[in-house]
All heavy atoms as atom14 arrays in JSON, in Angstrom:
{
  "sequence": "MAVYAHAPQTTIVLVALMVALIPTTIGALLSAIGI",
  "atom14_mask": [
    [1, 1, 1, 1, 1, 1, 1, 1, 0, 0, 0, 0, 0, 0],
    [1, 1, 1, 1, 1, 0, 0, 0, 0, 0, 0, 0, 0, 0],
    [1, 1, 1, 1, 1, 1, 1, 0, 0, 0, 0, 0, 0, 0],
    [1, 1, 1, 1, 1, 1, 1, 1, 1, 1, 1, 1, 0, 0],
    [1, 1, 1, 1, 1, 0, 0, 0, 0, 0, 0, 0, 0, 0],
    [1, 1, 1, 1, 1, 1, 1, 1, 1, 1, 0, 0, 0, 0],
    [1, 1, 1, 1, 1, 0, 0, 0, 0, 0, 0, 0, 0, 0],
    [1, 1, 1, 1, 1, 1, 1, 0, 0, 0, 0, 0, 0, 0],
    [1, 1, 1, 1, 1, 1, 1, 1, 1, 0, 0, 0, 0, 0],
    [1, 1, 1, 1, 1, 1, 1, 0, 0, 0, 0, 0, 0, 0],
    [1, 1, 1, 1, 1, 1, 1, 0, 0, 0, 0, 0, 0, 0],
    [1, 1, 1, 1, 1, 1, 1, 1, 0, 0, 0, 0, 0, 0],
    [1, 1, 1, 1, 1, 1, 1, 0, 0, 0, 0, 0, 0, 0],
    [1, 1, 1, 1, 1, 1, 1, 1, 0, 0, 0, 0, 0, 0],
    [1, 1, 1, 1, 1, 1, 1, 0, 0, 0, 0, 0, 0, 0],
    [1, 1, 1, 1, 1, 0, 0, 0, 0, 0, 0, 0, 0, 0],
    [1, 1, 1, 1, 1, 1, 1, 1, 0, 0, 0, 0, 0, 0],
    [1, 1, 1, 1, 1, 1, 1, 1, 0, 0, 0, 0, 0, 0],
    [1, 1, 1, 1, 1, 1, 1, 0, 0, 0, 0, 0, 0, 0],
    [1, 1, 1, 1, 1, 0, 0, 0, 0, 0, 0, 0, 0, 0],
    [1, 1, 1, 1, 1, 1, 1, 1, 0, 0, 0, 0, 0, 0],
    [1, 1, 1, 1, 1, 1, 1, 1, 0, 0, 0, 0, 0, 0],
    [1, 1, 1, 1, 1, 1, 1, 0, 0, 0, 0, 0, 0, 0],
    [1, 1, 1, 1, 1, 1, 1, 0, 0, 0, 0, 0, 0, 0],
    [1, 1, 1, 1, 1, 1, 1, 0, 0, 0, 0, 0, 0, 0],
    [1, 1, 1, 1, 1, 1, 1, 1, 0, 0, 0, 0, 0, 0],
    [1, 1, 1, 1, 0, 0, 0, 0, 0, 0, 0, 0, 0, 0],
    [1, 1, 1, 1, 1, 0, 0, 0, 0, 0, 0, 0, 0, 0],
    [1, 1, 1, 1, 1, 1, 1, 1, 0, 0, 0, 0, 0, 0],
    [1, 1, 1, 1, 1, 1, 1, 1, 0, 0, 0, 0, 0, 0],
    [1, 1, 1, 1, 1, 1, 0, 0, 0, 0, 0, 0, 0, 0],
    [1, 1, 1, 1, 1, 0, 0, 0, 0, 0, 0, 0, 0, 0],
    [1, 1, 1, 1, 1, 1, 1, 1, 0, 0, 0, 0, 0, 0],
    [1, 1, 1, 1, 0, 0, 0, 0, 0, 0, 0, 0, 0, 0],
    [1, 1, 1, 1, 1, 1, 1, 1, 0, 0, 0, 0, 0, 0]
  ],
  "atom14_positions": [
    [[-6.73, -11.25, -11.72], [-5.9, -10.41, -12.58], [-4.42, -10.73, -12.37], [-3.63, -10.74, -13.32], [-6.17, -8.93, -12.29], [-7.6, -8.5, -12.58], [-7.93, -6.8, -12.06], [-6.71, -5.92, -13.01], [0.0, 0.0, 0.0], [0.0, 0.0, 0.0], [0.0, 0.0, 0.0], [0.0, 0.0, 0.0], [0.0, 0.0, 0.0], [0.0, 0.0, 0.0]],
    [[-4.04, -10.99, -11.1], [-2.65, -11.32, -10.81], [-2.26, -12.65, -11.43], [-1.15, -12.81, -11.96], [-2.43, -11.34, -9.3], [0.0, 0.0, 0.0], [0.0, 0.0, 0.0], [0.0, 0.0, 0.0], [0.0, 0.0, 0.0], [0.0, 0.0, 0.0], [0.0, 0.0, 0.0], [0.0, 0.0, 0.0], [0.0, 0.0, 0.0], [0.0, 0.0, 0.0]],
    [[-3.18, -13.61, -11.4], [-2.91, -14.91, -12.02], [-2.74, -14.75, -13.53], [-1.85, -15.35, -14.15], [-4.04, -15.9, -11.69], [-3.88, -17.19, -12.5], [-4.07, -16.2, -10.2], [0.0, 0.0, 0.0], [0.0, 0.0, 0.0], [0.0, 0.0, 0.0], [0.0, 0.0, 0.0], [0.0, 0.0, 0.0], [0.0, 0.0, 0.0], [0.0, 0.0, 0.0]],
    [[-3.59, -13.93, -14.12], [-3.49, -13.68, -15.56], [-2.16, -13.05, -15.92], [-1.59, -13.31, -16.99], [-4.64, -12.78, -15.99], [-4.61, -12.4, -17.45], [-5.04, -13.3, -18.43], [-4.13, -11.15, -17.84], [-5.0, -12.96, -19.77], [-4.08, -10.8, -19.18], [-4.52, -11.71, -20.15], [-4.46, -11.34, -21.49], [0.0, 0.0, 0.0], [0.0, 0.0, 0.0]],
    [[-1.63, -12.2, -15.01], [-0.35, -11.54, -15.27], [0.83, -12.39, -14.82], [1.97, -11.9, -14.79], [-0.31, -10.2, -14.55], [0.0, 0.0, 0.0], [0.0, 0.0, 0.0], [0.0, 0.0, 0.0], [0.0, 0.0, 0.0], [0.0, 0.0, 0.0], [0.0, 0.0, 0.0], [0.0, 0.0, 0.0], [0.0, 0.0, 0.0], [0.0, 0.0, 0.0]],
    [[0.55, -13.65, -14.47], [1.58, -14.57, -14.01], [2.3, -14.03, -12.76], [3.5, -14.2, -12.61], [2.61, -14.85, -15.13], [1.99, -15.36, -16.39], [1.43, -16.62, -16.49], [1.82, -14.76, -17.61], [0.94, -16.8, -17.71], [1.17, -15.68, -18.42], [0.0, 0.0, 0.0], [0.0, 0.0, 0.0], [0.0, 0.0, 0.0], [0.0, 0.0, 0.0]],
    [[1.5, -13.37, -11.91], [2.05, -12.87, -10.64], [1.07, -13.14, -9.52], [0.59, -12.22, -8.84], [2.36, -11.38, -10.74], [0.0, 0.0, 0.0], [0.0, 0.0, 0.0], [0.0, 0.0, 0.0], [0.0, 0.0, 0.0], [0.0, 0.0, 0.0], [0.0, 0.0, 0.0], [0.0, 0.0, 0.0], [0.0, 0.0, 0.0], [0.0, 0.0, 0.0]],
    [[0.7, -14.43, -9.31], [-0.27, -14.75, -8.25], [0.27, -14.36, -6.88], [1.48, -14.44, -6.62], [-0.46, -16.26, -8.39], [0.81, -16.74, -9.02], [1.25, -15.65, -9.95], [0.0, 0.0, 0.0], [0.0, 0.0, 0.0], [0.0, 0.0, 0.0], [0.0, 0.0, 0.0], [0.0, 0.0, 0.0], [0.0, 0.0, 0.0], [0.0, 0.0, 0.0]],
    [[-0.66, -13.93, -5.99], [-0.26, -13.46, -4.67], [-0.7, -14.45, -3.6], [-1.72, -15.14, -3.74], [-0.89, -12.09, -4.38], [-0.53, -11.03, -5.4], [0.95, -10.76, -5.46], [1.6, -10.65, -4.42], [1.5, -10.64, -6.67], [0.0, 0.0, 0.0], [0.0, 0.0, 0.0], [0.0, 0.0, 0.0], [0.0, 0.0, 0.0], [0.0, 0.0, 0.0]],
    [[0.06, -14.52, -2.55], [-0.28, -15.38, -1.43], [-1.4, -14.77, -0.61], [-1.69, -13.57, -0.7], [0.94, -15.62, -0.53], [1.31, -14.36, 0.06], [2.11, -16.17, -1.33], [0.0, 0.0, 0.0], [0.0, 0.0, 0.0], [0.0, 0.0, 0.0], [0.0, 0.0, 0.0], [0.0, 0.0, 0.0], [0.0, 0.0, 0.0], [0.0, 0.0, 0.0]],
    [[-2.01, -15.61, 0.22], [-3.08, -15.11, 1.11], [-2.55, -14.01, 2.02], [-3.24, -13.02, 2.3], [-3.63, -16.27, 1.96], [-4.15, -17.27, 1.09], [-4.72, -15.79, 2.9], [0.0, 0.0, 0.0], [0.0, 0.0, 0.0], [0.0, 0.0, 0.0], [0.0, 0.0, 0.0], [0.0, 0.0, 0.0], [0.0, 0.0, 0.0], [0.0, 0.0, 0.0]],
    [[-1.32, -14.16, 2.5], [-0.74, -13.18, 3.42], [-0.62, -11.81, 2.75], [-0.97, -10.78, 3.34], [0.63, -13.67, 3.92], [0.45, -14.93, 4.77], [1.33, -12.59, 4.72], [1.73, -15.55, 5.23], [0.0, 0.0, 0.0], [0.0, 0.0, 0.0], [0.0, 0.0, 0.0], [0.0, 0.0, 0.0], [0.0, 0.0, 0.0], [0.0, 0.0, 0.0]],
    [[-0.17, -11.79, 1.5], [0.0, -10.51, 0.8], [-1.35, -9.87, 0.52], [-1.54, -8.66, 0.68], [0.78, -10.72, -0.51], [0.8, -9.44, -1.33], [2.19, -11.18, -0.22], [0.0, 0.0, 0.0], [0.0, 0.0, 0.0], [0.0, 0.0, 0.0], [0.0, 0.0, 0.0], [0.0, 0.0, 0.0], [0.0, 0.0, 0.0], [0.0, 0.0, 0.0]],
    [[-2.34, -10.68, 0.11], [-3.67, -10.14, -0.16], [-4.31, -9.57, 1.11], [-4.93, -8.5, 1.08], [-4.56, -11.23, -0.76], [-4.19, -11.69, -2.18], [-5.05, -12.87, -2.6], [-4.33, -10.54, -3.17], [0.0, 0.0, 0.0], [0.0, 0.0, 0.0], [0.0, 0.0, 0.0], [0.0, 0.0, 0.0], [0.0, 0.0, 0.0], [0.0, 0.0, 0.0]],
    [[-4.14, -10.28, 2.21], [-4.69, -9.78, 3.47], [-3.98, -8.49, 3.88], [-4.6, -7.52, 4.34], [-4.56, -10.84, 4.58], [-4.88, -10.24, 5.95], [-5.49, -12.01, 4.3], [0.0, 0.0, 0.0], [0.0, 0.0, 0.0], [0.0, 0.0, 0.0], [0.0, 0.0, 0.0], [0.0, 0.0, 0.0], [0.0, 0.0, 0.0], [0.0, 0.0, 0.0]],
    [[-2.66, -8.46, 3.71], [-1.91, -7.26, 4.05], [-2.38, -6.07, 3.23], [-2.53, -4.95, 3.74], [-0.42, -7.5, 3.84], [0.0, 0.0, 0.0], [0.0, 0.0, 0.0], [0.0, 0.0, 0.0], [0.0, 0.0, 0.0], [0.0, 0.0, 0.0], [0.0, 0.0, 0.0], [0.0, 0.0, 0.0], [0.0, 0.0, 0.0], [0.0, 0.0, 0.0]],
    [[-2.62, -6.28, 1.93], [-3.11, -5.2, 1.07], [-4.47, -4.71, 1.54], [-4.73, -3.5, 1.61], [-3.19, -5.68, -0.38], [-3.79, -4.69, -1.38], [-2.92, -3.44, -1.47], [-3.96, -5.33, -2.74], [0.0, 0.0, 0.0], [0.0, 0.0, 0.0], [0.0, 0.0, 0.0], [0.0, 0.0, 0.0], [0.0, 0.0, 0.0], [0.0, 0.0, 0.0]],
    [[-5.36, -5.67, 1.85], [-6.71, -5.3, 2.3], [-6.65, -4.47, 3.58], [-7.29, -3.43, 3.7], [-7.53, -6.55, 2.52], [-8.95, -6.28, 3.0], [-9.75, -7.79, 3.55], [-8.72, -8.22, 4.97], [0.0, 0.0, 0.0], [0.0, 0.0, 0.0], [0.0, 0.0, 0.0], [0.0, 0.0, 0.0], [0.0, 0.0, 0.0], [0.0, 0.0, 0.0]],
    [[-5.86, -4.92, 4.56], [-5.76, -4.21, 5.83], [-5.15, -2.83, 5.63], [-5.55, -1.85, 6.28], [-4.93, -5.03, 6.85], [-4.63, -4.21, 8.09], [-5.67, -6.3, 7.21], [0.0, 0.0, 0.0], [0.0, 0.0, 0.0], [0.0, 0.0, 0.0], [0.0, 0.0, 0.0], [0.0, 0.0, 0.0], [0.0, 0.0, 0.0], [0.0, 0.0, 0.0]],
    [[-4.21, -2.73, 4.7], [-3.58, -1.44, 4.45], [-4.53, -0.45, 3.8], [-4.42, 0.76, 4.01], [-2.34, -1.64, 3.57], [0.0, 0.0, 0.0], [0.0, 0.0, 0.0], [0.0, 0.0, 0.0], [0.0, 0.0, 0.0], [0.0, 0.0, 0.0], [0.0, 0.0, 0.0], [0.0, 0.0, 0.0], [0.0, 0.0, 0.0], [0.0, 0.0, 0.0]],
    [[-5.47, -0.94, 2.98], [-6.34, -0.05, 2.23], [-7.61, 0.34, 2.99], [-8.11, 1.44, 2.82], [-6.71, -0.69, 0.89], [-5.56, -0.87, -0.1], [-6.07, -1.48, -1.39], [-4.86, 0.45, -0.39], [0.0, 0.0, 0.0], [0.0, 0.0, 0.0], [0.0, 0.0, 0.0], [0.0, 0.0, 0.0], [0.0, 0.0, 0.0], [0.0, 0.0, 0.0]],
    [[-8.16, -0.55, 3.81], [-9.39, -0.2, 4.52], [-9.06, 0.8, 5.63], [-7.93, 0.88, 6.11], [-10.08, -1.45, 5.1], [-9.22, -2.11, 6.18], [-10.44, -2.43, 4.01], [-9.9, -3.3, 6.86], [0.0, 0.0, 0.0], [0.0, 0.0, 0.0], [0.0, 0.0, 0.0], [0.0, 0.0, 0.0], [0.0, 0.0, 0.0], [0.0, 0.0, 0.0]],
    [[-10.05, 1.62, 6.06], [-9.79, 2.68, 7.05], [-9.62, 2.12, 8.47], [-10.47, 2.32, 9.34], [-11.02, 3.58, 6.93], [-12.1, 2.67, 6.45], [-11.45, 1.66, 5.57], [0.0, 0.0, 0.0], [0.0, 0.0, 0.0], [0.0, 0.0, 0.0], [0.0, 0.0, 0.0], [0.0, 0.0, 0.0], [0.0, 0.0, 0.0], [0.0, 0.0, 0.0]],
    [[-8.52, 1.42, 8.69], [-8.32, 0.79, 10.0], [-8.08, 1.81, 11.11], [-8.46, 1.6, 12.25], [-7.13, -0.18, 9.94], [-6.0, 0.49, 9.38], [-7.45, -1.39, 9.09], [0.0, 0.0, 0.0], [0.0, 0.0, 0.0], [0.0, 0.0, 0.0], [0.0, 0.0, 0.0], [0.0, 0.0, 0.0], [0.0, 0.0, 0.0], [0.0, 0.0, 0.0]],
    [[-7.43, 2.93, 10.78], [-7.08, 3.89, 11.84], [-8.32, 4.45, 12.51], [-8.46, 4.4, 13.74], [-6.22, 5.03, 11.27], [-5.09, 4.47, 10.61], [-5.75, 5.95, 12.38], [0.0, 0.0, 0.0], [0.0, 0.0, 0.0], [0.0, 0.0, 0.0], [0.0, 0.0, 0.0], [0.0, 0.0, 0.0], [0.0, 0.0, 0.0], [0.0, 0.0, 0.0]],
    [[-9.24, 5.01, 11.72], [-10.45, 5.57, 12.32], [-11.35, 4.46, 12.84], [-12.03, 4.61, 13.86], [-11.2, 6.47, 11.32], [-12.4, 7.13, 11.98], [-11.63, 5.68, 10.1], [-12.06, 8.02, 13.14], [0.0, 0.0, 0.0], [0.0, 0.0, 0.0], [0.0, 0.0, 0.0], [0.0, 0.0, 0.0], [0.0, 0.0, 0.0], [0.0, 0.0, 0.0]],
    [[-11.36, 3.3, 12.16], [-12.14, 2.17, 12.66], [-11.69, 1.73, 14.04], [-12.49, 1.34, 14.88], [0.0, 0.0, 0.0], [0.0, 0.0, 0.0], [0.0, 0.0, 0.0], [0.0, 0.0, 0.0], [0.0, 0.0, 0.0], [0.0, 0.0, 0.0], [0.0, 0.0, 0.0], [0.0, 0.0, 0.0], [0.0, 0.0, 0.0], [0.0, 0.0, 0.0]],
    [[-10.38, 1.8, 14.27], [-9.83, 1.39, 15.56], [-10.12, 2.4, 16.66], [-10.28, 2.05, 17.83], [-8.32, 1.18, 15.44], [0.0, 0.0, 0.0], [0.0, 0.0, 0.0], [0.0, 0.0, 0.0], [0.0, 0.0, 0.0], [0.0, 0.0, 0.0], [0.0, 0.0, 0.0], [0.0, 0.0, 0.0], [0.0, 0.0, 0.0], [0.0, 0.0, 0.0]],
    [[-10.21, 3.69, 16.3], [-10.3, 4.76, 17.31], [-11.7, 5.32, 17.46], [-11.94, 6.13, 18.36], [-9.34, 5.89, 16.95], [-7.85, 5.51, 16.9], [-7.03, 6.69, 16.38], [-7.35, 5.09, 18.27], [0.0, 0.0, 0.0], [0.0, 0.0, 0.0], [0.0, 0.0, 0.0], [0.0, 0.0, 0.0], [0.0, 0.0, 0.0], [0.0, 0.0, 0.0]],
    [[-12.64, 4.94, 16.6], [-13.97, 5.57, 16.59], [-14.68, 5.44, 17.93], [-15.2, 6.41, 18.48], [-14.82, 4.96, 15.48], [-16.21, 5.57, 15.29], [-16.11, 7.06, 14.99], [-16.96, 4.85, 14.18], [0.0, 0.0, 0.0], [0.0, 0.0, 0.0], [0.0, 0.0, 0.0], [0.0, 0.0, 0.0], [0.0, 0.0, 0.0], [0.0, 0.0, 0.0]],
    [[-14.72, 4.24, 18.48], [-15.41, 4.04, 19.76], [-14.74, 4.81, 20.88], [-15.41, 5.4, 21.73], [-15.46, 2.54, 20.09], [-16.16, 2.32, 21.29], [0.0, 0.0, 0.0], [0.0, 0.0, 0.0], [0.0, 0.0, 0.0], [0.0, 0.0, 0.0], [0.0, 0.0, 0.0], [0.0, 0.0, 0.0], [0.0, 0.0, 0.0], [0.0, 0.0, 0.0]],
    [[-13.4, 4.81, 20.89], [-12.66, 5.53, 21.94], [-12.95, 7.02, 21.89], [-13.05, 7.69, 22.93], [-11.17, 5.27, 21.8], [0.0, 0.0, 0.0], [0.0, 0.0, 0.0], [0.0, 0.0, 0.0], [0.0, 0.0, 0.0], [0.0, 0.0, 0.0], [0.0, 0.0, 0.0], [0.0, 0.0, 0.0], [0.0, 0.0, 0.0], [0.0, 0.0, 0.0]],
    [[-13.11, 7.58, 20.68], [-13.39, 9.01, 20.55], [-14.73, 9.34, 21.2], [-14.86, 10.33, 21.93], [-13.41, 9.41, 19.06], [-12.01, 9.29, 18.46], [-13.91, 10.84, 18.89], [-11.97, 9.44, 16.95], [0.0, 0.0, 0.0], [0.0, 0.0, 0.0], [0.0, 0.0, 0.0], [0.0, 0.0, 0.0], [0.0, 0.0, 0.0], [0.0, 0.0, 0.0]],
    [[-15.76, 8.5, 20.95], [-17.07, 8.76, 21.54], [-17.06, 8.63, 23.05], [-17.63, 9.47, 23.76], [0.0, 0.0, 0.0], [0.0, 0.0, 0.0], [0.0, 0.0, 0.0], [0.0, 0.0, 0.0], [0.0, 0.0, 0.0], [0.0, 0.0, 0.0], [0.0, 0.0, 0.0], [0.0, 0.0, 0.0], [0.0, 0.0, 0.0], [0.0, 0.0, 0.0]],
    [[-16.42, 7.59, 23.57], [-16.34, 7.4, 25.03], [-15.58, 8.56, 25.67], [-15.98, 9.1, 26.7], [-15.67, 6.06, 25.36], [-16.54, 4.9, 24.87], [-15.44, 5.92, 26.86], [-15.88, 3.55, 25.0], [0.0, 0.0, 0.0], [0.0, 0.0, 0.0], [0.0, 0.0, 0.0], [0.0, 0.0, 0.0], [0.0, 0.0, 0.0], [0.0, 0.0, 0.0]]
  ]
}
């Protein structure tokens, strides 16, 4: 869609978006909470 809109994104930006959107906070702390 970005290419179609003439605004292609770099791998770094796409990875940054993915990391920002997935639930990293609870994913990072879930095991520590149980222990």
